[in-house]
Every structure is written in C-alpha cells, then in structure tokens.
Amino acid sequence: MTQIDLRIFTEPQQGATYDDVLAVARATEDLGFDAFFRSDHYLAMGGDGLPGPTDAWTTLAGLARETSRIRLGTLVSSATFRHPGVLAIQVAQVDQMSGGRVELGLGAGWFAREHEAYGIPFPERRFGILEEQLAVITGLWETPVGETFGFDGEHYTLTDSPALPKPAQARVPVIVGGHGPKRTPALAARYASEFNVAFPDPGVLPDRIENVRAVCQDAGRDPDSLVYSGAFVLAVGKDEAEFRRRAAAIGREPDEVRRNGLAGTVPEVADKLAVLAEQGATRFYLQVLDLHDLDHLDLVAREVAPQLR
C-alpha cells in the first residue's frame, strides 16, 4: 500500500494561546503523526477570537525548539504579509532552529478583512506578487554561498543580495495549492515540492490532481516528483454519538461535515482516506478545530492510522 502521511492542521486565529498550540504539537509528535501545520491568519473567522492571534512563524520558531521529530509548516502563509526577502530569512532561520524540519506553504492571500484590521495592504491583483515571491524566496535559498542574488520584477527588486542565511535542508519543501486550472498548477510545476487541494468538493480531487500532473508533463517535469495532498476538516468518533458531539463542538452539521470532511465513525473515515489515496493523494492535512480535544487526535492515531498501513 502507498505510504500515507497524516498531518495535524490547526487554525489558531480562531482563539488559541501559544501554550494551546504547543499542547497540540506535542500530542502530534507523541502520537506518531507526520507533521504539525498551522494557518497563517491574523483575524478570527467568526467568534471573538480571544485571546487573539499568534503569528505563524513566531509560533513555529518556538515549536522548532520544543519538538524533535515532526515536520512544521504553514498552510498557507499569505504573500501579502511579508516581503519575500524577509520571509526567506524567517523560514531559513526556523529551519535551522528545527534541524531541517520546516516546510513553507505560500499563497496569494484572500481574507481582505484581516488586512483591513491590521493595516496590511491588500492589492486587488495578487497572483503576480505570489509568483515573484516564489521566484525570490527559492532564488535566495538556491544561490551558492559566496555568490549574490538579484531580481528585477514588477513588485520586487533585490540588488546584490548575499542570499543568507541558508536553510538547514538542501531544499525547503514549498507547498502551492488552489483550485485554478492553469496558473496555480503552473506555479506548482515550477516551484513546489507539493500540490495541495484544500477542502475540495466531494469527487473533484482526482480531476485536480490529474490536471496538475498534465501541467507538469507539459512543463517537462516528472509528475511523480510532486506530492499530492488534500486538507479536510476532521470530526471522528468511536461511535455515532461521539462523532455528533465533535461535529457540534466545531459548529458543523453532522450530515454536512460527513459529506465534505474526514468525518464520521472510525471505519467511515478510514475508508474515505483509503479511497482518497486511490485517487492520487498520499498526504492529508487533518484540520483540527477544537484544540482542547486531544482525545480526538489520540483516537485517530490509535484506530484510524493503523488501518492505512
């Protein structure tokens, strides 16, 4: 059977302290999951968000020193939040701090309200910004030590950069994702190690993956050199009553989340993961919305994960 990676994916902007996030990251490591990822947002999407947001890369720097095995990353950082030169330094430093366990998910950004709330510019056209950021960040990391990097684009200009520091990894995995048919897959084929489809409608994942594989083929890249992944909300119970309790705790209707997420009883979720794997995905980001329910993670690790091996 194909190796399947299960990664825990959190949304701390909904209301979490660093200690809350740390508890989930430690459980992720102790229970044998592959990685701990978090969103990169500054404003809650519904609710008061108390006690307020935690910065993604500040958080990951802390986790880099307080974990030892799991991969760490963002799904996804917004290109509007940071200059690519600064982000390249931040990610490289956290990669060093973790001993080479960091991955960078990068997207164009979409949540206008959080930009308004914190005074962050939110251009109407952002795809070109994302494209240049990917070129700059990977260019800085790939420039040999002792040489300089330059870039002259529409949005960014870098002149004689020493292109330091370098990550601990020879290549930090870059994750690109989305639902667009052409431009985003082309970016993934050029820059990414992984293509992610977040919260796809039922049945569309195979077409998204097949489209990216075709774009890679046309670009002269081996389609098998990309990892294909999906992100799904998680709500699993050892029985129907426990599943329904977990769905209610995150404000989701049981039938809806069962249809759209990795949700239901243990056998249901294991079967759905097996089907998704047959459709071409080998990595799954399990969106955990109740960060205080660590028994949820334990159930998946003990009863779902062993069925996928």
Protein backbone atom coordinates (compact mmCIF):
# COMPACT_ATOMS: atom_id res chain seq x y z
CA MET A 1 0.00 0.00 0.00
CA THR A 2 1.16 3.53 -0.74
CA GLN A 3 2.67 5.37 2.22
CA ILE A 4 0.09 7.83 3.56
CA ASP A 5 1.13 10.79 5.69
CA LEU A 6 -1.31 12.19 8.24
CA ARG A 7 -0.62 15.75 9.34
CA ILE A 8 -2.37 17.80 12.00
CA PHE A 9 -3.51 21.20 10.74
CA THR A 10 -4.73 23.91 13.11
CA GLU A 11 -6.44 27.32 12.88
CA PRO A 12 -5.12 29.21 15.95
CA GLN A 13 -6.59 32.55 14.83
CA GLN A 14 -9.94 31.19 15.98
CA GLY A 15 -8.75 31.54 19.57
CA ALA A 16 -5.62 29.92 20.97
CA THR A 17 -2.57 30.80 23.03
CA TYR A 18 0.92 29.60 22.21
CA ASP A 19 0.57 27.07 25.03
CA ASP A 20 -2.63 25.72 23.42
CA VAL A 21 -0.78 25.29 20.15
CA LEU A 22 2.21 23.71 21.89
CA ALA A 23 -0.01 21.11 23.56
CA VAL A 24 -1.41 20.06 20.18
CA ALA A 25 2.07 20.00 18.60
CA ARG A 26 3.41 17.79 21.40
CA ALA A 27 0.45 15.44 21.04
CA THR A 28 1.07 15.39 17.27
CA GLU A 29 4.63 14.27 17.90
CA ASP A 30 3.88 11.82 20.70
CA LEU A 31 1.08 10.11 18.79
CA GLY A 32 3.14 9.48 15.66
CA PHE A 33 1.64 11.94 13.18
CA ASP A 34 3.92 13.15 10.40
CA ALA A 35 3.68 16.92 10.91
CA PHE A 36 2.10 19.87 12.67
CA PHE A 37 0.89 22.69 10.44
CA ARG A 38 -0.95 25.87 11.20
CA SER A 39 -2.80 28.54 9.27
CA ASP A 40 -1.25 31.97 8.84
CA HIS A 41 -4.07 34.38 9.72
CA TYR A 42 -4.47 37.40 11.99
CA LEU A 43 -8.26 37.53 12.39
CA ALA A 44 -10.86 35.02 13.53
CA MET A 45 -13.46 33.92 11.00
CA GLY A 46 -16.48 34.07 13.26
CA GLY A 47 -16.41 34.43 17.03
CA ASP A 48 -14.32 36.86 19.08
CA GLY A 49 -11.01 35.04 18.53
CA LEU A 50 -9.96 35.56 22.15
CA PRO A 51 -7.23 35.78 23.32
CA GLY A 52 -6.17 36.95 19.84
CA PRO A 53 -3.95 35.69 17.05
CA THR A 54 -0.49 34.21 17.29
CA ASP A 55 1.96 34.90 14.47
CA ALA A 56 2.60 31.76 12.44
CA TRP A 57 6.36 31.97 12.04
CA THR A 58 6.93 33.18 15.60
CA THR A 59 4.93 30.17 16.78
CA LEU A 60 6.82 27.75 14.54
CA ALA A 61 10.14 29.11 15.82
CA GLY A 62 9.05 28.20 19.34
CA LEU A 63 7.83 24.77 18.28
CA ALA A 64 11.09 24.16 16.45
CA ARG A 65 12.84 24.14 19.82
CA GLU A 66 10.13 22.24 21.69
CA THR A 67 9.66 19.32 19.30
CA SER A 68 12.21 16.96 17.81
CA ARG A 69 10.68 14.84 15.04
CA ILE A 70 7.61 16.27 13.37
CA ARG A 71 7.66 18.45 10.29
CA LEU A 72 6.49 22.04 10.84
CA GLY A 73 4.90 24.48 8.42
CA THR A 74 2.15 26.79 7.23
CA LEU A 75 -0.91 26.05 5.16
CA VAL A 76 -0.56 28.69 3.93
CA SER A 77 1.32 31.92 4.53
CA SER A 78 -0.03 34.89 2.61
CA ALA A 79 2.25 36.65 0.16
CA THR A 80 0.73 39.94 1.34
CA PHE A 81 2.03 39.58 4.89
CA ARG A 82 5.80 39.74 4.40
CA HIS A 83 8.43 40.87 1.94
CA PRO A 84 9.87 37.77 0.28
CA GLY A 85 13.40 38.64 1.37
CA VAL A 86 12.24 38.78 5.00
CA LEU A 87 10.19 35.61 4.70
CA ALA A 88 13.15 33.75 3.18
CA ILE A 89 15.24 34.73 6.22
CA GLN A 90 12.49 33.78 8.68
CA VAL A 91 11.87 30.36 7.16
CA ALA A 92 15.59 29.60 6.82
CA GLN A 93 16.18 30.51 10.46
CA VAL A 94 13.28 28.41 11.73
CA ASP A 95 14.55 25.55 9.57
CA GLN A 96 17.94 25.86 11.25
CA MET A 97 16.27 26.01 14.68
CA SER A 98 14.35 22.81 13.93
CA GLY A 99 17.27 20.87 12.48
CA GLY A 100 15.76 20.90 9.00
CA ARG A 101 12.07 20.12 9.60
CA VAL A 102 10.32 23.14 8.08
CA GLU A 103 8.04 23.43 5.05
CA LEU A 104 6.60 26.60 3.51
CA GLY A 105 3.09 26.77 2.19
CA LEU A 106 2.63 30.05 0.31
CA GLY A 107 -0.47 31.54 -1.28
CA ALA A 108 -1.73 34.83 -2.69
CA GLY A 109 -3.93 35.69 0.31
CA TRP A 110 -7.70 36.05 0.26
CA PHE A 111 -9.06 37.39 3.57
CA ALA A 112 -9.45 41.11 2.96
CA ARG A 113 -10.93 41.84 6.37
CA GLU A 114 -7.82 40.79 8.30
CA HIS A 115 -5.73 43.10 6.14
CA GLU A 116 -8.08 45.98 6.95
CA ALA A 117 -7.99 45.13 10.65
CA TYR A 118 -4.20 45.30 10.90
CA GLY A 119 -3.36 47.86 8.23
CA ILE A 120 -1.85 45.40 5.77
CA PRO A 121 -2.10 46.37 2.09
CA PHE A 122 -4.39 44.08 0.10
CA PRO A 123 -3.90 44.67 -3.63
CA GLU A 124 -6.72 43.64 -5.91
CA ARG A 125 -4.32 41.70 -8.11
CA ARG A 126 -2.11 39.40 -6.04
CA PHE A 127 -1.15 36.47 -8.26
CA GLY A 128 1.84 38.30 -9.72
CA ILE A 129 3.01 39.07 -6.18
CA LEU A 130 2.84 35.38 -5.29
CA GLU A 131 4.69 34.39 -8.44
CA GLU A 132 7.52 36.84 -7.75
CA GLN A 133 7.71 35.81 -4.09
CA LEU A 134 8.20 32.18 -5.06
CA ALA A 135 10.94 33.19 -7.51
CA VAL A 136 12.69 35.40 -4.94
CA ILE A 137 12.47 33.01 -1.99
CA THR A 138 13.64 29.94 -3.88
CA GLY A 139 16.26 32.03 -5.69
CA LEU A 140 17.72 33.29 -2.40
CA TRP A 141 17.90 29.80 -0.93
CA GLU A 142 19.42 28.25 -4.05
CA THR A 143 22.14 30.87 -4.58
CA PRO A 144 25.51 29.28 -3.68
CA VAL A 145 27.28 30.65 -0.61
CA GLY A 146 29.71 33.33 -1.70
CA GLU A 147 27.58 34.40 -4.65
CA THR A 148 24.91 37.08 -4.78
CA PHE A 149 21.29 37.10 -5.91
CA GLY A 150 19.49 39.77 -7.86
CA PHE A 151 15.92 40.14 -9.01
CA ASP A 152 14.20 42.83 -11.02
CA GLY A 153 10.46 42.30 -11.12
CA GLU A 154 7.29 44.33 -11.25
CA HIS A 155 6.77 44.06 -7.49
CA TYR A 156 10.22 43.37 -6.01
CA THR A 157 13.79 44.40 -6.74
CA LEU A 158 16.75 42.80 -4.98
CA THR A 159 20.28 44.01 -5.68
CA ASP A 160 23.43 42.03 -4.89
CA SER A 161 21.83 40.15 -2.01
CA PRO A 162 24.22 37.86 -0.10
CA ALA A 163 21.28 35.43 -0.06
CA LEU A 164 21.84 34.45 3.54
CA PRO A 165 21.09 32.64 5.78
CA LYS A 166 20.69 29.22 4.20
CA PRO A 167 18.15 26.69 5.48
CA ALA A 168 19.41 23.52 7.13
CA GLN A 169 17.73 21.48 4.40
CA ALA A 170 19.23 21.39 0.95
CA ARG A 171 15.75 22.31 -0.26
CA VAL A 172 12.92 23.50 1.95
CA PRO A 173 9.73 21.89 0.64
CA VAL A 174 7.41 24.50 -0.86
CA ILE A 175 3.67 23.84 -0.94
CA VAL A 176 1.45 25.50 -3.53
CA GLY A 177 -2.26 24.86 -3.75
CA GLY A 178 -5.54 26.03 -5.14
CA HIS A 179 -8.41 25.25 -7.43
CA GLY A 180 -7.42 27.25 -10.53
CA PRO A 181 -6.99 25.21 -13.72
CA LYS A 182 -3.84 26.79 -15.19
CA ARG A 183 -1.85 29.46 -13.34
CA THR A 184 -1.59 27.82 -9.93
CA PRO A 185 -0.69 24.37 -11.33
CA ALA A 186 1.99 26.08 -13.45
CA LEU A 187 3.47 27.66 -10.31
CA ALA A 188 3.42 24.29 -8.58
CA ALA A 189 5.17 22.64 -11.52
CA ARG A 190 7.88 25.30 -11.46
CA TYR A 191 8.50 25.87 -7.74
CA ALA A 192 6.70 23.40 -5.50
CA SER A 193 7.50 20.12 -3.83
CA GLU A 194 3.82 19.55 -3.06
CA PHE A 195 0.46 20.48 -4.55
CA ASN A 196 -2.37 20.82 -2.05
CA VAL A 197 -6.11 20.89 -2.61
CA ALA A 198 -7.81 22.45 0.41
CA PHE A 199 -11.37 21.45 1.27
CA PRO A 200 -12.35 20.14 -2.17
CA ASP A 201 -15.95 19.45 -3.04
CA PRO A 202 -16.74 15.72 -3.00
CA GLY A 203 -15.38 13.94 -6.04
CA VAL A 204 -13.23 16.72 -7.50
CA LEU A 205 -9.84 15.74 -6.02
CA PRO A 206 -8.90 13.28 -8.81
CA ASP A 207 -9.50 15.89 -11.52
CA ARG A 208 -7.42 18.50 -9.65
CA ILE A 209 -4.54 16.08 -9.29
CA GLU A 210 -4.74 14.85 -12.87
CA ASN A 211 -4.72 18.43 -14.14
CA VAL A 212 -1.54 19.26 -12.20
CA ARG A 213 0.10 16.07 -13.42
CA ALA A 214 -0.68 17.10 -17.01
CA VAL A 215 0.73 20.59 -16.44
CA CYS A 216 3.92 19.07 -15.03
CA GLN A 217 4.20 16.81 -18.06
CA ASP A 218 3.80 19.75 -20.42
CA ALA A 219 6.43 21.70 -18.46
CA GLY A 220 8.95 18.87 -18.70
CA ARG A 221 8.72 17.91 -15.03
CA ASP A 222 8.14 14.37 -13.81
CA PRO A 223 4.62 14.45 -12.31
CA ASP A 224 5.68 11.88 -9.72
CA SER A 225 8.22 14.34 -8.31
CA LEU A 226 5.34 16.27 -6.71
CA VAL A 227 3.50 15.17 -3.57
CA TYR A 228 -0.28 15.50 -3.94
CA SER A 229 -2.22 16.31 -0.79
CA GLY A 230 -5.64 17.32 0.49
CA ALA A 231 -6.85 19.24 3.53
CA PHE A 232 -10.11 18.24 5.20
CA VAL A 233 -11.89 19.17 8.40
CA LEU A 234 -11.68 16.35 10.97
CA ALA A 235 -14.50 15.06 13.15
CA VAL A 236 -14.16 11.40 14.13
CA GLY A 237 -15.94 9.41 16.82
CA LYS A 238 -15.58 5.91 18.14
CA ASP A 239 -19.35 5.74 17.64
CA GLU A 240 -22.09 7.87 16.11
CA ALA A 241 -22.81 9.76 19.32
CA GLU A 242 -19.18 10.78 19.79
CA PHE A 243 -18.92 11.88 16.16
CA ARG A 244 -22.03 14.04 16.51
CA ARG A 245 -20.67 15.57 19.70
CA ARG A 246 -17.43 16.50 17.94
CA ALA A 247 -19.28 17.93 14.94
CA ALA A 248 -21.41 20.08 17.28
CA ALA A 249 -18.31 21.27 19.16
CA ILE A 250 -16.95 22.84 15.96
CA GLY A 251 -20.28 24.19 14.80
CA ARG A 252 -20.82 21.81 11.89
CA GLU A 253 -23.93 19.88 10.92
CA PRO A 254 -23.20 16.13 11.06
CA ASP A 255 -24.52 15.36 7.57
CA GLU A 256 -22.66 18.29 6.00
CA VAL A 257 -19.30 17.60 7.61
CA ARG A 258 -19.64 13.88 6.92
CA ARG A 259 -20.15 14.70 3.23
CA ASN A 260 -17.36 17.26 2.91
CA GLY A 261 -14.79 16.34 5.53
CA LEU A 262 -12.99 13.41 7.08
CA ALA A 263 -15.87 12.86 9.43
CA GLY A 264 -17.95 10.07 10.88
CA THR A 265 -17.08 6.93 12.75
CA VAL A 266 -13.62 5.37 12.69
CA PRO A 267 -14.40 2.84 9.89
CA GLU A 268 -16.02 5.54 7.75
CA VAL A 269 -13.03 7.87 7.99
CA ALA A 270 -10.51 5.08 7.39
CA ASP A 271 -12.45 4.01 4.29
CA LYS A 272 -12.66 7.58 2.97
CA LEU A 273 -8.91 8.07 3.41
CA ALA A 274 -8.26 4.83 1.53
CA VAL A 275 -10.47 5.98 -1.35
CA LEU A 276 -8.79 9.40 -1.50
CA ALA A 277 -5.40 7.68 -1.57
CA GLU A 278 -6.54 5.57 -4.51
CA GLN A 279 -7.46 8.84 -6.25
CA GLY A 280 -3.85 10.02 -6.08
CA ALA A 281 -3.37 11.84 -2.78
CA THR A 282 -0.70 10.50 -0.42
CA ARG A 283 -0.78 13.18 2.26
CA PHE A 284 -3.69 14.50 4.30
CA TYR A 285 -3.94 17.58 6.49
CA LEU A 286 -6.46 16.90 9.24
CA GLN A 287 -7.98 20.25 10.19
CA VAL A 288 -8.43 20.12 13.97
CA LEU A 289 -10.68 22.97 15.07
CA ASP A 290 -11.13 22.08 18.76
CA LEU A 291 -7.58 22.42 20.06
CA HIS A 292 -8.53 21.30 23.57
CA ASP A 293 -9.84 17.89 22.44
CA LEU A 294 -6.58 15.96 22.42
CA ASP A 295 -8.52 12.70 22.77
CA HIS A 296 -9.63 13.33 19.18
CA LEU A 297 -6.03 13.08 17.98
CA ASP A 298 -5.47 10.02 20.14
CA LEU A 299 -8.46 8.25 18.57
CA VAL A 300 -7.20 8.91 15.04
CA ALA A 301 -3.68 7.78 15.91
CA ARG A 302 -4.82 4.58 17.66
CA GLU A 303 -7.73 3.47 15.49
CA VAL A 304 -7.64 5.20 12.08
CA ALA A 305 -3.94 5.45 11.22
CA PRO A 306 -3.15 1.71 11.69
CA GLN A 307 -5.77 0.84 9.05
CA LEU A 308 -3.85 2.85 6.44
CA ARG A 309 -0.57 0.96 6.75
